[in-house]
C-alpha atoms as a PDB file:
ATOM      1  CA  MET A   1      -6.445  11.277  12.005  1.00  0.00           C
ATOM      2  CA  ASP A   2      -5.416  10.775   8.377  1.00  0.00           C
ATOM      3  CA  LYS A   3      -7.987  11.015   5.619  1.00  0.00           C
ATOM      4  CA  LYS A   4      -8.831   7.651   4.055  1.00  0.00           C
ATOM      5  CA  TYR A   5      -8.668   7.203   0.292  1.00  0.00           C
ATOM      6  CA  GLY A   6      -9.831   4.469  -2.063  1.00  0.00           C
ATOM      7  CA  ASN A   7      -6.234   3.584  -2.936  1.00  0.00           C
ATOM      8  CA  MET A   8      -2.721   4.959  -2.872  1.00  0.00           C
ATOM      9  CA  PHE A   9      -2.857   6.604  -6.292  1.00  0.00           C
ATOM     10  CA  GLU A  10      -5.972   8.557  -5.311  1.00  0.00           C
ATOM     11  CA  MET A  11      -4.170   9.706  -2.164  1.00  0.00           C
ATOM     12  CA  LEU A  12      -1.006  10.741  -4.031  1.00  0.00           C
ATOM     13  CA  LYS A  13      -3.097  12.780  -6.457  1.00  0.00           C
ATOM     14  CA  ASP A  14      -4.911  14.592  -3.634  1.00  0.00           C
ATOM     15  CA  ASN A  15      -2.213  14.887  -0.946  1.00  0.00           C
ATOM     16  CA  PRO A  16       0.994  16.764  -1.905  1.00  0.00           C
ATOM     17  CA  GLU A  17       2.731  15.825   1.355  1.00  0.00           C
ATOM     18  CA  ALA A  18       2.118  12.117   0.759  1.00  0.00           C
ATOM     19  CA  LYS A  19       3.239  12.498  -2.887  1.00  0.00           C
ATOM     20  CA  ALA A  20       6.506  14.167  -1.841  1.00  0.00           C
ATOM     21  CA  TYR A  21       7.114  11.443   0.777  1.00  0.00           C
ATOM     22  CA  PHE A  22       6.446   8.659  -1.741  1.00  0.00           C
ATOM     23  CA  ASP A  23       8.628  10.291  -4.412  1.00  0.00           C
ATOM     24  CA  ASN A  24      11.567  10.415  -1.984  1.00  0.00           C
ATOM     25  CA  LEU A  25      11.448   6.721  -1.101  1.00  0.00           C
ATOM     26  CA  PRO A  26      14.011   4.391  -2.694  1.00  0.00           C
ATOM     27  CA  PRO A  27      12.818   3.026  -6.065  1.00  0.00           C
ATOM     28  CA  THR A  28      12.567  -0.558  -4.819  1.00  0.00           C
ATOM     29  CA  VAL A  29      10.376   0.509  -1.888  1.00  0.00           C
ATOM     30  CA  ARG A  30       8.123   2.578  -4.193  1.00  0.00           C
ATOM     31  CA  GLN A  31       7.762  -0.422  -6.493  1.00  0.00           C
ATOM     32  CA  GLN A  32       6.834  -2.789  -3.663  1.00  0.00           C
ATOM     33  CA  ILE A  33       4.304  -0.348  -2.238  1.00  0.00           C
ATOM     34  CA  SER A  34       2.792   0.206  -5.706  1.00  0.00           C
ATOM     35  CA  THR A  35       2.107  -3.514  -6.079  1.00  0.00           C
ATOM     36  CA  ARG A  36      -0.144  -3.292  -3.009  1.00  0.00           C
ATOM     37  CA  SER A  37      -1.565   0.154  -3.688  1.00  0.00           C
ATOM     38  CA  PHE A  38      -5.119  -0.858  -2.795  1.00  0.00           C
ATOM     39  CA  ASN A  39      -3.955  -1.647   0.765  1.00  0.00           C
ATOM     40  CA  VAL A  40      -2.490   1.849   1.190  1.00  0.00           C
ATOM     41  CA  ASN A  41      -5.384   4.201   1.862  1.00  0.00           C
ATOM     42  CA  SER A  42      -3.912   6.901   4.131  1.00  0.00           C
ATOM     43  CA  PHE A  43      -0.659   8.774   4.619  1.00  0.00           C
ATOM     44  CA  GLU A  44      -0.203   6.895   7.892  1.00  0.00           C
ATOM     45  CA  SER A  45      -0.554   3.514   6.160  1.00  0.00           C
ATOM     46  CA  LEU A  46       1.952   4.668   3.511  1.00  0.00           C
ATOM     47  CA  ARG A  47       4.488   5.648   6.182  1.00  0.00           C
ATOM     48  CA  ASN A  48       3.945   2.419   8.121  1.00  0.00           C
ATOM     49  CA  TYR A  49       4.375   0.255   5.047  1.00  0.00           C
ATOM     50  CA  ALA A  50       7.489   2.153   3.953  1.00  0.00           C
ATOM     51  CA  ASP A  51       8.950   1.847   7.464  1.00  0.00           C
ATOM     52  CA  ASN A  52       8.360  -1.909   7.438  1.00  0.00           C
ATOM     53  CA  LEU A  53       9.964  -2.299   4.026  1.00  0.00           C
ATOM     54  CA  THR A  54      13.027  -0.218   4.875  1.00  0.00           C
ATOM     55  CA  ARG A  55      13.497  -2.257   8.072  1.00  0.00           C
ATOM     56  CA  GLY A  56      13.126  -5.479   6.139  1.00  0.00           C
ATOM     57  CA  ASP A  57       9.875  -6.551   7.816  1.00  0.00           C
ATOM     58  CA  TYR A  58       8.121  -7.813   4.687  1.00  0.00           C
END
């Protein structure tokens, strides 16, 4: 089970794997995820959100 964080920026600071994943996303996807950073509190939630955005399931 993924560790839970207070927000995405806390996770990216603490989790190098999540940081590398986020940094390799397309800029528009990174921007959209950043606007909802408080809803992203685990690497799993980051991956799920990115998958939804890249599929177009906003």
